[in-house]
């Protein structure tokens, strides 16, 4: 579905047919509860739901641009309501169940909920239901209330919703001192936190999540400028774009033994450079009326894709191609970025 964002502009009947068949193949594998699989094996047609969190939301966004289906969309949104497990208004996920399927993101994910906003906006146009637009705005408010870190080391407000007696006081109703995790990374920086869990939060800067906040209209003008400044100051756009900063290291709370050798610092999900994220970066620059910066980033992304032959990911420090070449989402998001620059606008909603 990410590939579709740009591939739909290709004047090629084979590609267009493949996109429509992809939408339909996923739709046919929807569960009775409304979940869409993250992939379907093309030989066995066996659906896979392990990385379940964002598949249905991307299906709404992608199908809305190509082949809208109100009934399937409504079923996905009903399934999403069940993922609001604490009735907070935000979706929750298990660990490693979104696109970062070998990483520690869990609980209320930033990327996931910004994508939820985009899907709700797309669904509102498909189903013609203003209540879905209102729901999207409510999700925006929740993300800003709980996930925007002000650079003030105040972590209480980010975890207050996890207490049985919700309050932003440092003691509960019986006078007991609450546990509040300290902010150890990026203490003085402002950004959206990557995830919120039970009395714990992610501390690193999630590049895609923060870019999605811009593209979904979650971030206001000041927050948008702060996010783009962070990306530039931390050289995340040296090759657009590294997935996060700073990388998680052994001994950090978000380090996992299952990372093995694939997710060492500067690799893969842990600070690797992903060309598809670079496409979203170009789109964010276009959306914020920075045409010169967008053109520069597009040229940089073109060089990266030539170097890696539309590789999956590159080393976060050297830019060396490290993944598998000929990745559809790397190519598709380059086409999308190019279309954004050409139009001077971001064609992300129907």
Protein backbone atom coordinates (compact mmCIF):
# COMPACT_ATOMS: atom_id res chain seq x y z
CA UNK A 1 0.00 0.00 0.00
CA UNK A 2 2.97 2.33 0.61
CA UNK A 3 4.28 1.41 -2.85
CA UNK A 4 0.87 2.34 -4.26
CA UNK A 5 1.19 5.98 -3.14
CA UNK A 6 3.60 6.67 -5.98
CA UNK A 7 3.14 3.66 -8.26
CA UNK A 8 -0.42 4.78 -9.09
CA UNK A 9 1.14 7.61 -11.15
CA UNK A 10 3.07 5.17 -13.38
CA UNK A 11 1.61 4.99 -16.89
CA UNK A 12 1.97 1.23 -17.06
CA UNK A 13 -1.02 -1.10 -17.30
CA UNK A 14 0.90 -4.02 -15.75
CA UNK A 15 1.68 -1.95 -12.64
CA UNK A 16 -1.86 -0.62 -12.38
CA UNK A 17 -3.31 -4.12 -12.64
CA UNK A 18 -0.89 -5.38 -9.98
CA UNK A 19 -1.91 -2.59 -7.61
CA UNK A 20 -5.60 -3.36 -7.99
CA UNK A 21 -5.01 -7.07 -7.54
CA UNK A 22 -2.99 -6.33 -4.39
CA UNK A 23 -5.85 -4.34 -2.91
CA UNK A 24 -8.28 -7.13 -3.76
CA UNK A 25 -6.04 -9.95 -2.49
CA UNK A 26 -5.73 -8.26 0.89
CA UNK A 27 -9.46 -7.53 0.99
CA UNK A 28 -10.33 -11.19 0.37
CA UNK A 29 -8.20 -12.17 3.38
CA UNK A 30 -9.96 -9.80 5.79
CA UNK A 31 -11.06 -11.58 8.97
CA UNK A 32 -14.63 -11.65 10.25
CA UNK A 33 -13.51 -9.15 12.90
CA UNK A 34 -12.29 -6.76 10.18
CA UNK A 35 -8.49 -7.19 10.37
CA UNK A 36 -6.46 -6.95 7.16
CA UNK A 37 -3.26 -9.06 6.99
CA UNK A 38 0.12 -7.43 6.71
CA UNK A 39 0.89 -9.74 3.78
CA UNK A 40 -0.48 -12.65 1.77
CA UNK A 41 1.81 -15.36 0.38
CA UNK A 42 1.36 -15.20 -3.38
CA UNK A 43 1.89 -18.95 -3.88
CA UNK A 44 -0.18 -20.40 -1.05
CA UNK A 45 -2.51 -17.37 -0.58
CA UNK A 46 -1.95 -17.82 3.15
CA UNK A 47 -2.46 -14.50 5.00
CA UNK A 48 -0.01 -13.40 7.69
CA UNK A 49 -1.23 -11.29 10.61
CA UNK A 50 1.88 -11.22 12.82
CA UNK A 51 2.72 -7.58 12.12
CA UNK A 52 -0.95 -6.68 12.30
CA UNK A 53 -1.02 -3.14 13.65
CA UNK A 54 -0.84 -0.96 10.53
CA UNK A 55 -1.92 -3.22 7.65
CA UNK A 56 -5.60 -2.30 7.77
CA UNK A 57 -4.91 1.41 8.11
CA UNK A 58 -2.62 1.39 5.07
CA UNK A 59 -5.27 -0.58 3.17
CA UNK A 60 -7.77 2.21 3.82
CA UNK A 61 -5.33 4.89 2.65
CA UNK A 62 -4.17 2.94 -0.41
CA UNK A 63 -7.55 1.65 -1.55
CA UNK A 64 -9.09 5.10 -1.10
CA UNK A 65 -6.70 6.41 -3.74
CA UNK A 66 -7.30 3.57 -6.17
CA UNK A 67 -10.47 1.56 -5.56
CA UNK A 68 -12.56 2.78 -2.58
CA UNK A 69 -14.64 0.19 -0.71
CA UNK A 70 -16.91 1.63 1.98
CA UNK A 71 -17.95 -1.73 3.44
CA UNK A 72 -14.41 -3.08 3.91
CA UNK A 73 -13.24 0.28 5.23
CA UNK A 74 -16.02 0.38 7.84
CA UNK A 75 -15.14 -3.15 8.97
CA UNK A 76 -11.48 -2.18 9.42
CA UNK A 77 -12.47 0.80 11.55
CA UNK A 78 -14.66 -1.40 13.74
CA UNK A 79 -11.64 -3.65 14.26
CA UNK A 80 -9.55 -0.58 15.12
CA UNK A 81 -12.04 0.41 17.79
CA UNK A 82 -11.21 -2.87 19.50
CA UNK A 83 -7.53 -1.89 19.50
CA UNK A 84 -8.39 1.11 21.67
CA UNK A 85 -8.05 -1.26 24.59
CA UNK A 86 -8.25 1.31 27.40
CA UNK A 87 -10.82 3.57 25.70
CA UNK A 88 -8.27 6.37 25.58
CA UNK A 89 -9.00 7.25 21.95
CA UNK A 90 -5.60 5.97 20.77
CA UNK A 91 -4.75 2.59 19.27
CA UNK A 92 -2.50 0.19 21.15
CA UNK A 93 -0.22 -2.48 19.71
CA UNK A 94 1.96 -5.33 20.85
CA UNK A 95 5.74 -5.14 20.44
CA UNK A 96 7.13 -5.38 16.90
CA UNK A 97 3.73 -5.46 15.20
CA UNK A 98 3.93 -2.51 12.81
CA UNK A 99 6.37 -1.84 9.93
CA UNK A 100 9.22 -2.04 12.48
CA UNK A 101 8.55 -5.73 12.91
CA UNK A 102 11.82 -6.42 14.73
CA UNK A 103 11.86 -3.48 17.13
CA UNK A 104 10.65 -2.46 20.56
CA UNK A 105 7.77 -0.10 19.68
CA UNK A 106 4.70 -1.05 21.71
CA UNK A 107 1.70 0.39 23.51
CA UNK A 108 0.38 3.58 21.94
CA UNK A 109 2.66 4.01 18.94
CA UNK A 110 3.19 7.46 17.41
CA UNK A 111 3.48 6.28 13.81
CA UNK A 112 0.48 3.98 14.23
CA UNK A 113 -1.80 6.69 15.59
CA UNK A 114 -0.73 9.31 13.05
CA UNK A 115 -1.52 6.76 10.36
CA UNK A 116 -4.85 6.23 12.12
CA UNK A 117 -5.60 9.94 11.64
CA UNK A 118 -4.85 9.68 7.91
CA UNK A 119 -7.02 6.57 7.59
CA UNK A 120 -9.92 8.22 9.41
CA UNK A 121 -9.70 11.25 7.11
CA UNK A 122 -9.67 8.99 4.04
CA UNK A 123 -12.56 6.91 5.40
CA UNK A 124 -14.60 10.05 6.07
CA UNK A 125 -14.45 10.87 2.36
CA UNK A 126 -15.24 7.31 1.27
CA UNK A 127 -18.12 6.71 3.68
CA UNK A 128 -19.18 10.38 3.72
CA UNK A 129 -19.42 10.45 7.48
CA UNK A 130 -18.44 13.68 9.24
CA UNK A 131 -18.24 11.78 12.54
CA UNK A 132 -15.05 10.15 11.25
CA UNK A 133 -13.52 13.57 10.66
CA UNK A 134 -14.40 14.50 14.23
CA UNK A 135 -12.84 11.25 15.42
CA UNK A 136 -9.64 12.08 13.53
CA UNK A 137 -9.48 15.47 15.23
CA UNK A 138 -9.97 13.80 18.63
CA UNK A 139 -7.04 11.46 17.91
CA UNK A 140 -4.92 14.49 16.96
CA UNK A 141 -5.68 16.10 20.31
CA UNK A 142 -4.79 12.93 22.21
CA UNK A 143 -1.47 12.60 20.37
CA UNK A 144 -0.59 16.20 21.19
CA UNK A 145 -1.73 15.95 24.80
CA UNK A 146 0.26 12.83 25.62
CA UNK A 147 3.00 12.33 23.02
CA UNK A 148 4.55 15.76 22.38
CA UNK A 149 7.59 16.14 24.62
CA UNK A 150 8.32 19.76 25.52
CA UNK A 151 12.01 19.35 26.38
CA UNK A 152 11.26 20.04 30.03
CA UNK A 153 12.04 16.59 31.57
CA UNK A 154 8.41 16.37 32.80
CA UNK A 155 7.51 12.76 32.10
CA UNK A 156 4.52 12.58 34.42
CA UNK A 157 2.04 13.90 31.87
CA UNK A 158 3.14 11.25 29.36
CA UNK A 159 2.33 8.36 31.70
CA UNK A 160 -0.52 9.82 33.78
CA UNK A 161 -3.09 7.94 31.69
CA UNK A 162 -1.62 4.61 32.86
CA UNK A 163 -2.47 5.15 36.52
CA UNK A 164 -5.64 3.56 37.89
CA UNK A 165 -6.65 6.96 39.29
CA UNK A 166 -5.70 9.22 36.42
CA UNK A 167 -4.16 12.49 37.53
CA UNK A 168 -1.11 14.55 36.77
CA UNK A 169 -0.23 14.77 40.45
CA UNK A 170 2.92 13.01 41.63
CA UNK A 171 0.98 11.19 44.36
CA UNK A 172 -2.12 9.05 44.13
CA UNK A 173 -5.36 9.48 46.08
CA UNK A 174 -3.86 7.55 49.03
CA UNK A 175 -0.76 9.74 49.15
CA UNK A 176 1.57 7.19 47.63
CA UNK A 177 4.46 8.47 45.50
CA UNK A 178 3.99 7.59 41.85
CA UNK A 179 6.77 6.06 39.77
CA UNK A 180 7.80 8.43 36.98
CA UNK A 181 10.54 7.32 34.57
CA UNK A 182 13.39 9.82 34.08
CA UNK A 183 14.11 11.26 30.62
CA UNK A 184 17.61 10.07 29.77
CA UNK A 185 17.83 10.65 26.00
CA UNK A 186 17.13 13.88 24.08
CA UNK A 187 16.29 15.50 27.39
CA UNK A 188 16.37 19.07 26.06
CA UNK A 189 14.86 18.36 22.62
CA UNK A 190 11.22 18.76 21.58
CA UNK A 191 9.63 15.98 19.55
CA UNK A 192 6.83 13.42 19.55
CA UNK A 193 7.69 10.38 21.66
CA UNK A 194 7.71 7.13 19.66
CA UNK A 195 5.47 5.12 22.01
CA UNK A 196 3.69 5.24 25.35
CA UNK A 197 3.42 2.15 27.53
CA UNK A 198 2.62 1.23 31.11
CA UNK A 199 4.54 3.79 33.18
CA UNK A 200 7.18 3.86 30.46
CA UNK A 201 7.81 5.74 27.21
CA UNK A 202 10.14 5.54 24.25
CA UNK A 203 12.77 8.25 24.31
CA UNK A 204 14.25 8.24 20.83
CA UNK A 205 13.16 10.35 17.86
CA UNK A 206 11.03 8.28 15.47
CA UNK A 207 11.63 9.88 12.08
CA UNK A 208 8.71 8.31 10.24
CA UNK A 209 6.32 8.87 13.15
CA UNK A 210 7.21 12.55 13.38
CA UNK A 211 6.95 12.97 9.59
CA UNK A 212 3.55 11.29 9.66
CA UNK A 213 2.50 13.77 12.34
CA UNK A 214 3.27 16.54 9.86
CA UNK A 215 1.56 14.87 6.89
CA UNK A 216 -1.53 13.88 8.89
CA UNK A 217 -2.00 17.42 10.20
CA UNK A 218 -1.32 16.43 13.81
CA UNK A 219 1.63 18.82 14.20
CA UNK A 220 0.99 22.56 14.09
CA UNK A 221 3.31 25.02 12.31
CA UNK A 222 5.63 25.46 15.29
CA UNK A 223 5.88 21.73 15.98
CA UNK A 224 6.47 21.07 12.28
CA UNK A 225 9.37 23.53 12.18
CA UNK A 226 10.83 21.95 15.33
CA UNK A 227 10.63 18.44 13.82
CA UNK A 228 12.24 19.45 10.52
CA UNK A 229 14.95 21.37 12.38
CA UNK A 230 15.67 18.26 14.49
CA UNK A 231 16.07 16.13 11.36
CA UNK A 232 18.48 18.63 9.84
CA UNK A 233 20.54 19.24 13.02
CA UNK A 234 20.96 15.54 13.71
CA UNK A 235 21.91 14.80 10.07
CA UNK A 236 19.05 12.35 9.65
CA UNK A 237 18.64 13.79 6.14
CA UNK A 238 22.26 13.17 5.11
CA UNK A 239 20.71 10.33 3.14
CA UNK A 240 16.98 10.70 3.47
CA UNK A 241 16.20 9.36 5.92
CA UNK A 242 17.60 7.53 8.96
CA UNK A 243 14.83 5.81 10.90
CA UNK A 244 15.61 7.18 14.37
CA UNK A 245 18.02 9.02 16.63
CA UNK A 246 19.85 8.15 18.76
CA UNK A 247 20.19 4.43 18.03
CA UNK A 248 19.26 2.06 20.84
CA UNK A 249 22.30 0.40 22.41
CA UNK A 250 22.86 -2.65 24.62
CA UNK A 251 21.90 -1.75 28.18
CA UNK A 252 19.19 0.70 27.11
CA UNK A 253 15.63 -0.13 28.22
CA UNK A 254 14.60 -0.55 24.58
CA UNK A 255 17.43 -2.96 23.71
CA UNK A 256 16.31 -6.52 22.97
CA UNK A 257 18.40 -9.68 22.62
CA UNK A 258 16.29 -10.64 19.58
CA UNK A 259 17.78 -7.72 17.65
CA UNK A 260 20.74 -10.04 17.02
CA UNK A 261 23.14 -8.67 14.42
CA UNK A 262 20.44 -7.14 12.20
CA UNK A 263 19.39 -4.32 14.55
CA UNK A 264 22.75 -3.20 15.92
CA UNK A 265 23.10 0.62 16.10
CA UNK A 266 22.96 2.24 12.68
CA UNK A 267 21.39 -0.82 11.09
CA UNK A 268 17.92 -1.79 9.93
CA UNK A 269 15.17 -0.38 12.20
CA UNK A 270 17.77 0.87 14.69
CA UNK A 271 18.99 3.95 12.82
CA UNK A 272 19.31 2.52 9.32
CA UNK A 273 18.52 4.72 6.33
CA UNK A 274 15.26 3.77 4.60
CA UNK A 275 14.58 5.26 1.14
CA UNK A 276 10.81 4.96 1.60
CA UNK A 277 11.06 7.22 4.66
CA UNK A 278 12.99 9.64 2.48
CA UNK A 279 9.94 9.87 0.24
CA UNK A 280 7.80 10.91 3.20
CA UNK A 281 10.48 13.46 4.14
CA UNK A 282 10.28 15.08 0.71
CA UNK A 283 6.48 15.14 1.01
CA UNK A 284 6.69 16.82 4.43
CA UNK A 285 8.96 19.53 3.01
CA UNK A 286 6.52 20.11 0.16
CA UNK A 287 3.58 20.29 2.57
CA UNK A 288 5.36 22.96 4.61
CA UNK A 289 6.10 25.07 1.52
CA UNK A 290 9.85 24.47 1.42
CA UNK A 291 10.26 23.82 -2.33
CA UNK A 292 14.03 24.33 -2.48
CA UNK A 293 14.65 21.97 0.45
CA UNK A 294 12.24 19.45 -1.08
CA UNK A 295 14.06 19.51 -4.43
CA UNK A 296 17.40 19.10 -2.69
CA UNK A 297 16.09 16.15 -0.66
CA UNK A 298 14.58 14.57 -3.81
CA UNK A 299 17.96 14.75 -5.57
CA UNK A 300 19.64 13.20 -2.56
CA UNK A 301 17.03 10.43 -2.49
CA UNK A 302 17.59 9.80 -6.22
CA UNK A 303 21.33 9.36 -5.63
CA UNK A 304 20.64 6.97 -2.75
CA UNK A 305 18.28 4.87 -4.86
CA UNK A 306 20.76 4.73 -7.73
CA UNK A 307 23.48 3.65 -5.34
CA UNK A 308 21.38 0.89 -3.81
CA UNK A 309 19.23 -0.02 -6.83
CA UNK A 310 16.09 0.86 -4.82
CA UNK A 311 17.44 -1.01 -1.83
CA UNK A 312 15.42 -1.78 1.28
CA UNK A 313 17.75 0.07 3.68
CA UNK A 314 21.26 1.47 3.95
CA UNK A 315 23.82 1.78 6.72
CA UNK A 316 22.99 4.75 8.94
CA UNK A 317 26.56 6.11 8.98
CA UNK A 318 28.10 5.15 5.65
CA UNK A 319 25.02 4.94 3.43
CA UNK A 320 26.18 1.52 2.19
CA UNK A 321 23.33 -0.59 0.77
CA UNK A 322 22.61 -3.25 3.39
CA UNK A 323 19.21 -4.69 2.61
CA UNK A 324 17.67 -6.25 -0.49
CA UNK A 325 17.53 -4.33 -3.78
CA UNK A 326 14.51 -3.82 -6.03
CA UNK A 327 12.12 -2.90 -3.22
CA UNK A 328 8.72 -1.70 -4.47
CA UNK A 329 8.16 0.73 -1.61
CA UNK A 330 11.56 2.37 -2.18
CA UNK A 331 10.68 2.88 -5.86
CA UNK A 332 7.06 3.81 -5.19
CA UNK A 333 7.90 6.42 -2.59
CA UNK A 334 10.47 7.98 -4.94
CA UNK A 335 7.71 8.37 -7.53
CA UNK A 336 5.47 9.83 -4.83
CA UNK A 337 8.16 12.29 -3.72
CA UNK A 338 8.74 13.33 -7.34
CA UNK A 339 5.01 13.85 -7.85
CA UNK A 340 4.81 15.99 -4.69
CA UNK A 341 7.64 18.23 -5.90
CA UNK A 342 6.12 18.49 -9.39
CA UNK A 343 2.68 19.46 -8.03
CA UNK A 344 3.87 21.53 -5.09
CA UNK A 345 1.29 19.60 -3.07
CA UNK A 346 0.93 16.22 -1.34
CA UNK A 347 -1.70 13.93 -2.97
CA UNK A 348 -2.19 11.70 0.07
CA UNK A 349 -5.99 11.74 0.40
CA UNK A 350 -8.70 11.00 -2.16
